[in-house]
Amino acid sequence: MTSGFFIAFEGGEGAGKSTQTELLSKRLTGEGFSVVVTREPGGTLTAEKIRSVLLDPTITDMPDQAEALLFAAARADHAANLIRPALENGSIVICDRYLESSVAYQGYGRNLGGTYIRELSEWATQGLLPDITVYLDVPAQVSLDRRKGTDRMEIQSLDFHMQTQQAFRDLAKNSQVAHIIIDATLPIDEIAQLISDAVIAELKSR
């Protein structure tokens, strides 16, 4: 590849994003691609420190606006210091969550406004968008039943997670960015095959 390729994984809690990012990385590495796997919030020293604040369940008084700004700050550093350099180096970047998570969680889950949160993230990243987004669709109750941790976002109410789930579905349906929509209740190996086949087909078409 003469230029990089940016893949974002999106979906609710317990949808299997971390598992599938690793499986896709292994498949693409086996195909001879240079792959960088990262996550949000996080990925860089600064962004990981912000992550520790954002996901700390003992913090119960954070204003929604502060939460949105911290996510944008972490994304700004992540985009500038990890994602862009990797793409410029010709790597495939696979990111566990990106801009649409903020639109779904803060824009709709927190009712701050999807358009405003999207504009904030696009400003923070200087317009860096994925080449393709993989959306793992799983019912809100199933995703909560699967959750392994108890971070600030996971412990939100079922209504909150139902709002974010619907937001993800609407975003995937209406986005200008190419989306691969996968039923995340399927077996893990079947999901991995569907994703890797679709991504490799997209890479070959370019």
N, C-alpha and C. Protein backbone atom coordinates (compact mmCIF):
# COMPACT_ATOMS: atom_id res chain seq x y z
N MET A 1 0.84 -1.19 0.00
CA MET A 1 0.00 0.00 0.00
C MET A 1 0.88 1.25 0.00
N THR A 2 0.53 2.22 -0.85
CA THR A 2 1.28 3.46 -0.90
C THR A 2 0.77 4.48 0.09
N SER A 3 -0.41 4.29 0.62
CA SER A 3 -0.96 5.15 1.65
C SER A 3 -1.73 4.29 2.63
N GLY A 4 -1.92 4.83 3.83
CA GLY A 4 -2.57 4.04 4.86
C GLY A 4 -4.07 3.90 4.65
N PHE A 5 -4.67 3.09 5.51
CA PHE A 5 -6.10 2.81 5.46
C PHE A 5 -6.60 2.76 6.89
N PHE A 6 -7.66 3.50 7.18
CA PHE A 6 -8.15 3.69 8.54
C PHE A 6 -9.49 2.96 8.71
N ILE A 7 -9.51 2.00 9.65
CA ILE A 7 -10.71 1.22 9.95
C ILE A 7 -11.12 1.49 11.40
N ALA A 8 -12.37 1.88 11.60
CA ALA A 8 -12.89 2.08 12.96
C ALA A 8 -13.94 1.02 13.26
N PHE A 9 -13.90 0.50 14.47
CA PHE A 9 -14.93 -0.42 14.96
C PHE A 9 -15.85 0.35 15.91
N GLU A 10 -17.16 0.21 15.71
CA GLU A 10 -18.13 0.89 16.56
C GLU A 10 -19.19 -0.10 17.04
N GLY A 11 -19.86 0.28 18.12
CA GLY A 11 -20.92 -0.56 18.66
C GLY A 11 -21.03 -0.38 20.16
N GLY A 12 -22.08 -0.94 20.73
CA GLY A 12 -22.32 -0.79 22.16
C GLY A 12 -21.39 -1.65 23.01
N GLU A 13 -21.61 -1.58 24.31
CA GLU A 13 -20.81 -2.36 25.26
C GLU A 13 -20.99 -3.85 24.98
N GLY A 14 -19.92 -4.60 25.07
CA GLY A 14 -20.00 -6.04 24.92
C GLY A 14 -20.28 -6.53 23.52
N ALA A 15 -20.13 -5.65 22.52
CA ALA A 15 -20.42 -6.06 21.14
C ALA A 15 -19.32 -6.92 20.55
N GLY A 16 -18.16 -6.94 21.19
CA GLY A 16 -17.06 -7.75 20.69
C GLY A 16 -16.03 -6.99 19.89
N LYS A 17 -15.99 -5.68 20.04
CA LYS A 17 -15.07 -4.85 19.25
C LYS A 17 -13.62 -5.21 19.48
N SER A 18 -13.22 -5.34 20.73
CA SER A 18 -11.82 -5.64 21.03
C SER A 18 -11.40 -6.99 20.45
N THR A 19 -12.26 -7.98 20.60
CA THR A 19 -11.97 -9.31 20.04
C THR A 19 -11.83 -9.24 18.53
N GLN A 20 -12.76 -8.55 17.88
CA GLN A 20 -12.76 -8.52 16.42
C GLN A 20 -11.64 -7.65 15.85
N THR A 21 -11.23 -6.61 16.57
CA THR A 21 -10.09 -5.82 16.08
C THR A 21 -8.83 -6.68 16.06
N GLU A 22 -8.65 -7.49 17.09
CA GLU A 22 -7.47 -8.35 17.15
C GLU A 22 -7.52 -9.44 16.07
N LEU A 23 -8.69 -10.03 15.87
CA LEU A 23 -8.81 -11.06 14.84
C LEU A 23 -8.59 -10.49 13.44
N LEU A 24 -9.10 -9.29 13.19
CA LEU A 24 -8.88 -8.66 11.89
C LEU A 24 -7.41 -8.31 11.70
N SER A 25 -6.78 -7.85 12.77
CA SER A 25 -5.35 -7.53 12.69
C SER A 25 -4.54 -8.76 12.29
N LYS A 26 -4.85 -9.90 12.91
CA LYS A 26 -4.12 -11.14 12.59
C LYS A 26 -4.34 -11.53 11.14
N ARG A 27 -5.57 -11.39 10.65
CA ARG A 27 -5.87 -11.76 9.27
C ARG A 27 -5.11 -10.84 8.30
N LEU A 28 -5.14 -9.55 8.55
CA LEU A 28 -4.49 -8.60 7.65
C LEU A 28 -2.97 -8.72 7.71
N THR A 29 -2.44 -8.96 8.91
CA THR A 29 -1.00 -9.18 9.04
C THR A 29 -0.58 -10.41 8.24
N GLY A 30 -1.42 -11.45 8.32
CA GLY A 30 -1.14 -12.66 7.55
C GLY A 30 -1.20 -12.44 6.05
N GLU A 31 -1.95 -11.42 5.63
CA GLU A 31 -2.03 -11.08 4.21
C GLU A 31 -0.87 -10.18 3.77
N GLY A 32 0.00 -9.84 4.72
CA GLY A 32 1.19 -9.05 4.38
C GLY A 32 1.08 -7.56 4.63
N PHE A 33 0.00 -7.11 5.27
CA PHE A 33 -0.17 -5.69 5.54
C PHE A 33 0.52 -5.29 6.85
N SER A 34 0.96 -4.05 6.91
CA SER A 34 1.45 -3.46 8.15
C SER A 34 0.23 -2.93 8.90
N VAL A 35 0.02 -3.41 10.14
CA VAL A 35 -1.20 -3.09 10.87
C VAL A 35 -0.87 -2.48 12.23
N VAL A 36 -1.59 -1.43 12.58
CA VAL A 36 -1.50 -0.81 13.90
C VAL A 36 -2.87 -0.90 14.55
N VAL A 37 -2.94 -1.52 15.72
CA VAL A 37 -4.20 -1.64 16.46
C VAL A 37 -4.18 -0.65 17.62
N THR A 38 -5.26 0.10 17.78
CA THR A 38 -5.33 1.08 18.86
C THR A 38 -6.76 1.17 19.38
N ARG A 39 -7.01 2.07 20.31
CA ARG A 39 -8.33 2.16 20.92
C ARG A 39 -8.63 3.59 21.34
N GLU A 40 -9.93 3.83 21.58
CA GLU A 40 -10.35 5.11 22.13
C GLU A 40 -11.33 4.90 23.28
N PRO A 41 -11.27 5.78 24.29
CA PRO A 41 -10.21 6.76 24.45
C PRO A 41 -8.91 6.05 24.78
N GLY A 42 -7.81 6.61 24.31
CA GLY A 42 -6.51 6.01 24.57
C GLY A 42 -5.63 5.98 23.35
N GLY A 43 -4.64 5.10 23.39
CA GLY A 43 -3.75 4.93 22.25
C GLY A 43 -2.43 5.65 22.37
N THR A 44 -2.41 6.75 23.11
CA THR A 44 -1.18 7.50 23.36
C THR A 44 -1.06 7.73 24.87
N LEU A 45 0.10 8.16 25.31
CA LEU A 45 0.30 8.38 26.75
C LEU A 45 -0.71 9.37 27.30
N THR A 46 -0.86 10.51 26.61
CA THR A 46 -1.81 11.52 27.08
C THR A 46 -3.24 11.02 27.04
N ALA A 47 -3.63 10.39 25.94
CA ALA A 47 -5.00 9.92 25.80
C ALA A 47 -5.33 8.81 26.81
N GLU A 48 -4.34 7.97 27.14
CA GLU A 48 -4.58 6.92 28.14
C GLU A 48 -4.81 7.52 29.52
N LYS A 49 -4.12 8.63 29.81
CA LYS A 49 -4.34 9.30 31.10
C LYS A 49 -5.74 9.90 31.16
N ILE A 50 -6.18 10.47 30.04
CA ILE A 50 -7.54 11.00 29.99
C ILE A 50 -8.55 9.86 30.12
N ARG A 51 -8.25 8.71 29.48
CA ARG A 51 -9.13 7.54 29.58
C ARG A 51 -9.35 7.14 31.04
N SER A 52 -8.29 7.16 31.83
CA SER A 52 -8.41 6.73 33.22
C SER A 52 -9.39 7.60 34.00
N VAL A 53 -9.48 8.87 33.62
CA VAL A 53 -10.45 9.77 34.25
C VAL A 53 -11.85 9.50 33.72
N LEU A 54 -11.97 9.42 32.41
CA LEU A 54 -13.28 9.25 31.78
C LEU A 54 -14.00 7.99 32.22
N LEU A 55 -13.26 6.91 32.44
CA LEU A 55 -13.88 5.63 32.75
C LEU A 55 -13.88 5.29 34.24
N ASP A 56 -13.41 6.19 35.08
CA ASP A 56 -13.35 5.96 36.52
C ASP A 56 -14.75 5.98 37.12
N PRO A 57 -15.26 4.84 37.59
CA PRO A 57 -16.64 4.79 38.11
C PRO A 57 -16.83 5.54 39.42
N THR A 58 -15.73 5.93 40.08
CA THR A 58 -15.87 6.68 41.32
C THR A 58 -16.16 8.16 41.06
N ILE A 59 -15.99 8.59 39.81
CA ILE A 59 -16.30 9.98 39.46
C ILE A 59 -17.77 10.03 39.06
N THR A 60 -18.57 10.63 39.91
CA THR A 60 -20.02 10.63 39.69
C THR A 60 -20.59 12.02 39.42
N ASP A 61 -19.74 13.04 39.43
CA ASP A 61 -20.25 14.41 39.28
C ASP A 61 -19.70 15.11 38.04
N MET A 62 -19.17 14.35 37.08
CA MET A 62 -18.62 14.97 35.88
C MET A 62 -19.75 15.52 35.00
N PRO A 63 -19.74 16.81 34.70
CA PRO A 63 -20.76 17.35 33.79
C PRO A 63 -20.66 16.70 32.42
N ASP A 64 -21.78 16.54 31.75
CA ASP A 64 -21.78 15.91 30.44
C ASP A 64 -20.90 16.67 29.45
N GLN A 65 -20.88 18.00 29.57
CA GLN A 65 -20.06 18.80 28.67
C GLN A 65 -18.58 18.53 28.90
N ALA A 66 -18.19 18.36 30.15
CA ALA A 66 -16.79 18.05 30.46
C ALA A 66 -16.42 16.69 29.89
N GLU A 67 -17.32 15.72 30.00
CA GLU A 67 -17.09 14.40 29.43
C GLU A 67 -16.85 14.48 27.93
N ALA A 68 -17.70 15.22 27.24
CA ALA A 68 -17.56 15.36 25.78
C ALA A 68 -16.24 16.02 25.41
N LEU A 69 -15.85 17.03 26.15
CA LEU A 69 -14.60 17.73 25.85
C LEU A 69 -13.39 16.85 26.13
N LEU A 70 -13.45 16.04 27.17
CA LEU A 70 -12.34 15.14 27.47
C LEU A 70 -12.19 14.08 26.39
N PHE A 71 -13.31 13.54 25.91
CA PHE A 71 -13.23 12.59 24.80
C PHE A 71 -12.61 13.25 23.57
N ALA A 72 -13.00 14.49 23.28
CA ALA A 72 -12.46 15.19 22.13
C ALA A 72 -10.97 15.47 22.32
N ALA A 73 -10.56 15.82 23.53
CA ALA A 73 -9.15 16.08 23.80
C ALA A 73 -8.31 14.82 23.60
N ALA A 74 -8.81 13.70 24.12
CA ALA A 74 -8.09 12.43 23.93
C ALA A 74 -7.99 12.09 22.46
N ARG A 75 -9.07 12.31 21.71
CA ARG A 75 -9.08 11.99 20.28
C ARG A 75 -8.13 12.90 19.50
N ALA A 76 -8.05 14.16 19.89
CA ALA A 76 -7.14 15.09 19.22
C ALA A 76 -5.69 14.61 19.34
N ASP A 77 -5.29 14.21 20.54
CA ASP A 77 -3.92 13.74 20.75
C ASP A 77 -3.69 12.42 20.03
N HIS A 78 -4.65 11.54 20.10
CA HIS A 78 -4.56 10.23 19.46
C HIS A 78 -4.40 10.37 17.95
N ALA A 79 -5.22 11.23 17.35
CA ALA A 79 -5.16 11.43 15.89
C ALA A 79 -3.83 12.03 15.47
N ALA A 80 -3.36 13.02 16.23
CA ALA A 80 -2.14 13.72 15.86
C ALA A 80 -0.88 12.89 16.07
N ASN A 81 -0.85 12.13 17.15
CA ASN A 81 0.40 11.47 17.54
C ASN A 81 0.47 9.98 17.25
N LEU A 82 -0.64 9.36 16.85
CA LEU A 82 -0.59 7.94 16.52
C LEU A 82 -1.23 7.64 15.17
N ILE A 83 -2.51 8.03 15.01
CA ILE A 83 -3.23 7.60 13.80
C ILE A 83 -2.65 8.21 12.54
N ARG A 84 -2.51 9.53 12.49
CA ARG A 84 -1.99 10.17 11.28
C ARG A 84 -0.58 9.68 10.92
N PRO A 85 0.35 9.64 11.88
CA PRO A 85 1.69 9.15 11.53
C PRO A 85 1.67 7.72 10.98
N ALA A 86 0.84 6.85 11.56
CA ALA A 86 0.76 5.47 11.07
C ALA A 86 0.21 5.42 9.65
N LEU A 87 -0.82 6.22 9.38
CA LEU A 87 -1.39 6.26 8.04
C LEU A 87 -0.39 6.81 7.03
N GLU A 88 0.35 7.85 7.43
CA GLU A 88 1.34 8.44 6.54
C GLU A 88 2.48 7.46 6.26
N ASN A 89 2.66 6.51 7.18
CA ASN A 89 3.69 5.49 7.01
C ASN A 89 3.19 4.31 6.17
N GLY A 90 1.92 4.37 5.76
CA GLY A 90 1.37 3.33 4.91
C GLY A 90 0.72 2.18 5.63
N SER A 91 0.52 2.30 6.94
CA SER A 91 -0.07 1.21 7.72
C SER A 91 -1.59 1.23 7.66
N ILE A 92 -2.17 0.08 7.93
CA ILE A 92 -3.60 0.00 8.20
C ILE A 92 -3.79 0.24 9.69
N VAL A 93 -4.60 1.22 10.04
CA VAL A 93 -4.90 1.50 11.44
C VAL A 93 -6.29 0.94 11.76
N ILE A 94 -6.36 0.08 12.78
CA ILE A 94 -7.63 -0.47 13.24
C ILE A 94 -7.88 0.11 14.63
N CYS A 95 -8.96 0.86 14.77
CA CYS A 95 -9.24 1.56 16.02
C CYS A 95 -10.52 1.04 16.66
N ASP A 96 -10.42 0.61 17.90
CA ASP A 96 -11.56 0.17 18.71
C ASP A 96 -12.24 1.43 19.25
N ARG A 97 -13.29 1.88 18.57
CA ARG A 97 -14.06 3.10 18.80
C ARG A 97 -13.36 4.30 18.16
N TYR A 98 -14.21 5.23 17.70
CA TYR A 98 -13.69 6.49 17.17
C TYR A 98 -14.81 7.52 17.26
N LEU A 99 -14.90 8.39 16.31
CA LEU A 99 -15.78 9.55 16.36
C LEU A 99 -17.25 9.20 16.60
N GLU A 100 -17.74 8.15 15.96
CA GLU A 100 -19.17 7.84 16.07
C GLU A 100 -19.56 7.39 17.48
N SER A 101 -18.61 6.89 18.25
CA SER A 101 -18.92 6.57 19.64
C SER A 101 -19.27 7.83 20.42
N SER A 102 -18.54 8.92 20.16
CA SER A 102 -18.86 10.18 20.83
C SER A 102 -20.21 10.71 20.39
N VAL A 103 -20.49 10.61 19.08
CA VAL A 103 -21.79 11.07 18.58
C VAL A 103 -22.92 10.28 19.25
N ALA A 104 -22.74 8.95 19.36
CA ALA A 104 -23.78 8.11 19.95
C ALA A 104 -23.90 8.32 21.46
N TYR A 105 -22.76 8.30 22.16
CA TYR A 105 -22.79 8.35 23.62
C TYR A 105 -23.04 9.76 24.17
N GLN A 106 -22.25 10.73 23.68
CA GLN A 106 -22.42 12.08 24.20
C GLN A 106 -23.49 12.86 23.43
N GLY A 107 -23.53 12.67 22.11
CA GLY A 107 -24.50 13.39 21.31
C GLY A 107 -25.92 12.98 21.60
N TYR A 108 -26.16 11.65 21.66
CA TYR A 108 -27.51 11.14 21.85
C TYR A 108 -27.74 10.58 23.25
N GLY A 109 -26.82 9.78 23.76
CA GLY A 109 -26.99 9.25 25.11
C GLY A 109 -27.05 10.34 26.16
N ARG A 110 -26.19 11.37 26.01
CA ARG A 110 -26.16 12.51 26.94
C ARG A 110 -27.01 13.68 26.45
N ASN A 111 -27.60 13.54 25.28
CA ASN A 111 -28.48 14.58 24.72
C ASN A 111 -27.77 15.92 24.52
N LEU A 112 -26.51 15.86 24.11
CA LEU A 112 -25.76 17.09 23.84
C LEU A 112 -25.87 17.54 22.39
N GLY A 113 -26.45 16.68 21.55
CA GLY A 113 -26.63 17.04 20.15
C GLY A 113 -25.62 16.35 19.25
N GLY A 114 -26.10 15.46 18.40
CA GLY A 114 -25.21 14.68 17.54
C GLY A 114 -24.40 15.53 16.60
N THR A 115 -25.02 16.55 16.00
CA THR A 115 -24.29 17.41 15.06
C THR A 115 -23.19 18.17 15.76
N TYR A 116 -23.48 18.70 16.93
CA TYR A 116 -22.47 19.46 17.68
C TYR A 116 -21.28 18.57 18.05
N ILE A 117 -21.56 17.37 18.55
CA ILE A 117 -20.47 16.48 18.97
C ILE A 117 -19.65 16.04 17.76
N ARG A 118 -20.29 15.78 16.63
CA ARG A 118 -19.54 15.43 15.42
C ARG A 118 -18.62 16.58 15.00
N GLU A 119 -19.14 17.78 15.01
CA GLU A 119 -18.32 18.93 14.62
C GLU A 119 -17.16 19.13 15.59
N LEU A 120 -17.39 18.89 16.87
CA LEU A 120 -16.32 19.00 17.86
C LEU A 120 -15.21 18.01 17.57
N SER A 121 -15.58 16.76 17.29
CA SER A 121 -14.58 15.73 17.02
C SER A 121 -13.85 15.97 15.70
N GLU A 122 -14.57 16.43 14.70
CA GLU A 122 -13.92 16.71 13.42
C GLU A 122 -12.95 17.87 13.55
N TRP A 123 -13.31 18.86 14.38
CA TRP A 123 -12.39 19.97 14.65
C TRP A 123 -11.16 19.45 15.41
N ALA A 124 -11.38 18.61 16.41
CA ALA A 124 -10.28 18.10 17.23
C ALA A 124 -9.29 17.28 16.42
N THR A 125 -9.78 16.57 15.41
CA THR A 125 -8.91 15.68 14.62
C THR A 125 -8.52 16.29 13.28
N GLN A 126 -8.91 17.55 13.06
CA GLN A 126 -8.66 18.21 11.78
C GLN A 126 -9.25 17.42 10.62
N GLY A 127 -10.44 16.89 10.87
CA GLY A 127 -11.19 16.23 9.81
C GLY A 127 -10.78 14.82 9.48
N LEU A 128 -10.04 14.16 10.36
CA LEU A 128 -9.60 12.79 10.09
C LEU A 128 -10.75 11.81 10.31
N LEU A 129 -11.19 11.17 9.23
CA LEU A 129 -12.29 10.22 9.29
C LEU A 129 -11.82 8.84 8.82
N PRO A 130 -12.50 7.78 9.28
CA PRO A 130 -12.13 6.43 8.82
C PRO A 130 -12.42 6.25 7.33
N ASP A 131 -11.67 5.36 6.72
CA ASP A 131 -11.99 4.96 5.35
C ASP A 131 -13.20 4.03 5.35
N ILE A 132 -13.32 3.27 6.43
CA ILE A 132 -14.46 2.37 6.57
C ILE A 132 -14.73 2.13 8.05
N THR A 133 -16.00 1.97 8.39
CA THR A 133 -16.38 1.70 9.78
C THR A 133 -17.08 0.36 9.86
N VAL A 134 -16.67 -0.46 10.80
CA VAL A 134 -17.32 -1.74 11.07
C VAL A 134 -18.23 -1.55 12.27
N TYR A 135 -19.53 -1.69 12.06
CA TYR A 135 -20.49 -1.54 13.14
C TYR A 135 -20.99 -2.90 13.58
N LEU A 136 -20.70 -3.24 14.84
CA LEU A 136 -21.14 -4.50 15.43
C LEU A 136 -22.46 -4.24 16.16
N ASP A 137 -23.54 -4.73 15.58
CA ASP A 137 -24.89 -4.44 16.08
C ASP A 137 -25.34 -5.53 17.04
N VAL A 138 -25.62 -5.13 18.26
CA VAL A 138 -26.07 -6.07 19.27
C VAL A 138 -27.13 -5.39 20.13
N PRO A 139 -28.23 -6.07 20.49
CA PRO A 139 -29.25 -5.45 21.33
C PRO A 139 -28.66 -4.95 22.65
N ALA A 140 -29.19 -3.83 23.13
CA ALA A 140 -28.65 -3.19 24.33
C ALA A 140 -28.61 -4.13 25.52
N GLN A 141 -29.67 -4.89 25.74
CA GLN A 141 -29.70 -5.79 26.90
C GLN A 141 -28.65 -6.88 26.76
N VAL A 142 -28.48 -7.41 25.56
CA VAL A 142 -27.46 -8.44 25.33
C VAL A 142 -26.07 -7.87 25.58
N SER A 143 -25.83 -6.66 25.10
CA SER A 143 -24.51 -6.06 25.28
C SER A 143 -24.20 -5.84 26.76
N LEU A 144 -25.20 -5.44 27.53
CA LEU A 144 -24.98 -5.24 28.96
C LEU A 144 -24.77 -6.56 29.68
N ASP A 145 -25.45 -7.61 29.24
CA ASP A 145 -25.26 -8.93 29.85
C ASP A 145 -23.85 -9.45 29.59
N ARG A 146 -23.25 -9.02 28.48
CA ARG A 146 -21.92 -9.49 28.12
C ARG A 146 -20.80 -8.69 28.79
N ARG A 147 -21.10 -7.53 29.30
CA ARG A 147 -20.05 -6.63 29.76
C ARG A 147 -19.20 -7.29 30.84
N LYS A 148 -17.91 -6.99 30.82
CA LYS A 148 -16.96 -7.61 31.74
C LYS A 148 -16.51 -6.66 32.85
N GLY A 149 -16.64 -5.37 32.60
CA GLY A 149 -16.15 -4.40 33.57
C GLY A 149 -17.27 -3.55 34.14
N THR A 150 -16.87 -2.56 34.91
CA THR A 150 -17.84 -1.66 35.53
C THR A 150 -17.33 -0.23 35.43
N ASP A 151 -16.92 0.18 34.21
CA ASP A 151 -16.43 1.55 34.06
C ASP A 151 -17.60 2.53 33.97
N ARG A 152 -17.30 3.82 33.95
CA ARG A 152 -18.34 4.85 33.99
C ARG A 152 -19.36 4.71 32.87
N MET A 153 -18.92 4.29 31.69
CA MET A 153 -19.86 4.20 30.58
C MET A 153 -20.70 2.93 30.66
N GLU A 154 -20.10 1.84 31.10
CA GLU A 154 -20.83 0.57 31.18
C GLU A 154 -21.94 0.62 32.21
N ILE A 155 -21.75 1.37 33.29
CA ILE A 155 -22.73 1.34 34.38
C ILE A 155 -23.89 2.31 34.17
N GLN A 156 -23.95 2.94 33.01
CA GLN A 156 -25.10 3.81 32.73
C GLN A 156 -26.37 2.95 32.60
N SER A 157 -27.50 3.61 32.64
CA SER A 157 -28.79 2.91 32.66
C SER A 157 -29.06 2.18 31.34
N LEU A 158 -30.00 1.23 31.39
CA LEU A 158 -30.41 0.52 30.18
C LEU A 158 -30.97 1.50 29.16
N ASP A 159 -31.75 2.50 29.62
CA ASP A 159 -32.30 3.49 28.70
C ASP A 159 -31.19 4.23 27.96
N PHE A 160 -30.13 4.57 28.67
CA PHE A 160 -28.99 5.24 28.06
C PHE A 160 -28.40 4.37 26.95
N HIS A 161 -28.20 3.10 27.25
CA HIS A 161 -27.59 2.20 26.26
C HIS A 161 -28.54 1.91 25.10
N MET A 162 -29.83 1.92 25.35
CA MET A 162 -30.78 1.75 24.26
C MET A 162 -30.74 2.96 23.32
N GLN A 163 -30.56 4.15 23.90
CA GLN A 163 -30.44 5.36 23.08
C GLN A 163 -29.18 5.30 22.21
N THR A 164 -28.08 4.88 22.81
CA THR A 164 -26.84 4.84 22.04
C THR A 164 -26.91 3.76 20.96
N GLN A 165 -27.56 2.64 21.27
CA GLN A 165 -27.70 1.59 20.27
C GLN A 165 -28.46 2.09 19.06
N GLN A 166 -29.57 2.79 19.29
CA GLN A 166 -30.36 3.31 18.17
C GLN A 166 -29.56 4.37 17.41
N ALA A 167 -28.78 5.16 18.14
CA ALA A 167 -27.95 6.17 17.48
C ALA A 167 -26.94 5.51 16.55
N PHE A 168 -26.28 4.46 17.02
CA PHE A 168 -25.33 3.74 16.17
C PHE A 168 -26.01 3.22 14.90
N ARG A 169 -27.20 2.66 15.06
CA ARG A 169 -27.91 2.13 13.90
C ARG A 169 -28.25 3.24 12.90
N ASP A 170 -28.69 4.37 13.42
CA ASP A 170 -29.02 5.49 12.54
C ASP A 170 -27.77 6.04 11.86
N LEU A 171 -26.67 6.11 12.59
CA LEU A 171 -25.42 6.60 12.02
C LEU A 171 -24.93 5.69 10.90
N ALA A 172 -25.00 4.38 11.15
CA ALA A 172 -24.55 3.43 10.14
C ALA A 172 -25.40 3.52 8.88
N LYS A 173 -26.68 3.77 9.07
CA LYS A 173 -27.61 3.84 7.94
C LYS A 173 -27.41 5.09 7.11
N ASN A 174 -27.09 6.20 7.77
CA ASN A 174 -27.08 7.50 7.10
C ASN A 174 -25.69 8.09 6.86
N SER A 175 -24.64 7.41 7.29
CA SER A 175 -23.30 7.98 7.21
C SER A 175 -22.80 8.12 5.78
N GLN A 176 -21.96 9.13 5.58
CA GLN A 176 -21.28 9.32 4.30
C GLN A 176 -20.09 8.36 4.19
N VAL A 177 -19.61 7.87 5.33
CA VAL A 177 -18.48 6.94 5.36
C VAL A 177 -19.00 5.51 5.14
N ALA A 178 -18.25 4.70 4.38
CA ALA A 178 -18.64 3.31 4.14
C ALA A 178 -18.75 2.54 5.46
N HIS A 179 -19.80 1.75 5.61
CA HIS A 179 -20.02 0.97 6.81
C HIS A 179 -20.19 -0.51 6.46
N ILE A 180 -19.62 -1.36 7.30
CA ILE A 180 -19.90 -2.79 7.27
C ILE A 180 -20.74 -3.07 8.50
N ILE A 181 -21.97 -3.47 8.33
CA ILE A 181 -22.87 -3.71 9.46
C ILE A 181 -22.97 -5.21 9.71
N ILE A 182 -22.61 -5.63 10.93
CA ILE A 182 -22.52 -7.05 11.27
C ILE A 182 -23.42 -7.35 12.46
N ASP A 183 -24.16 -8.44 12.38
CA ASP A 183 -24.95 -8.93 13.50
C ASP A 183 -23.99 -9.52 14.54
N ALA A 184 -23.81 -8.83 15.64
CA ALA A 184 -22.83 -9.24 16.64
C ALA A 184 -23.31 -10.36 17.54
N THR A 185 -24.51 -10.91 17.28
CA THR A 185 -24.96 -12.08 18.03
C THR A 185 -24.53 -13.37 17.34
N LEU A 186 -23.93 -13.27 16.15
CA LEU A 186 -23.43 -14.45 15.45
C LEU A 186 -22.20 -15.01 16.16
N PRO A 187 -21.80 -16.25 15.86
CA PRO A 187 -20.58 -16.81 16.45
C PRO A 187 -19.36 -15.95 16.11
N ILE A 188 -18.40 -15.90 17.01
CA ILE A 188 -17.22 -15.04 16.86
C ILE A 188 -16.49 -15.31 15.56
N ASP A 189 -16.26 -16.59 15.24
CA ASP A 189 -15.51 -16.92 14.03
C ASP A 189 -16.25 -16.49 12.77
N GLU A 190 -17.58 -16.61 12.79
CA GLU A 190 -18.37 -16.19 11.64
C GLU A 190 -18.31 -14.68 11.45
N ILE A 191 -18.39 -13.95 12.57
CA ILE A 191 -18.27 -12.49 12.50
C ILE A 191 -16.91 -12.09 11.93
N ALA A 192 -15.86 -12.74 12.43
CA ALA A 192 -14.50 -12.42 11.98
C ALA A 192 -14.35 -12.65 10.48
N GLN A 193 -14.93 -13.73 9.99
CA GLN A 193 -14.83 -14.04 8.56
C GLN A 193 -15.57 -13.00 7.72
N LEU A 194 -16.76 -12.62 8.16
CA LEU A 194 -17.53 -11.61 7.44
C LEU A 194 -16.77 -10.29 7.38
N ILE A 195 -16.20 -9.90 8.51
CA ILE A 195 -15.48 -8.63 8.56
C ILE A 195 -14.24 -8.66 7.68
N SER A 196 -13.42 -9.69 7.84
CA SER A 196 -12.16 -9.73 7.09
C SER A 196 -12.40 -9.83 5.60
N ASP A 197 -13.39 -10.61 5.19
CA ASP A 197 -13.70 -10.70 3.76
C ASP A 197 -14.12 -9.34 3.20
N ALA A 198 -14.97 -8.64 3.93
CA ALA A 198 -15.44 -7.33 3.47
C ALA A 198 -14.31 -6.31 3.43
N VAL A 199 -13.46 -6.31 4.44
CA VAL A 199 -12.35 -5.35 4.49
C VAL A 199 -11.34 -5.63 3.38
N ILE A 200 -10.99 -6.89 3.20
CA ILE A 200 -10.02 -7.24 2.15
C ILE A 200 -10.57 -6.91 0.76
N ALA A 201 -11.87 -7.12 0.57
CA ALA A 201 -12.48 -6.75 -0.70
C ALA A 201 -12.39 -5.24 -0.92
N GLU A 202 -12.60 -4.46 0.15
CA GLU A 202 -12.51 -3.01 0.05
C GLU A 202 -11.07 -2.58 -0.25
N LEU A 203 -10.11 -3.22 0.39
CA LEU A 203 -8.70 -2.88 0.15
C LEU A 203 -8.31 -3.20 -1.30
N LYS A 204 -8.75 -4.32 -1.80
CA LYS A 204 -8.42 -4.70 -3.18
C LYS A 204 -9.06 -3.77 -4.18
N SER A 205 -10.25 -3.26 -3.86
CA SER A 205 -10.94 -2.36 -4.78
C SER A 205 -10.26 -1.00 -4.88
N ARG A 206 -9.37 -0.72 -3.92
CA ARG A 206 -8.69 0.58 -3.90
C ARG A 206 -7.26 0.45 -4.40
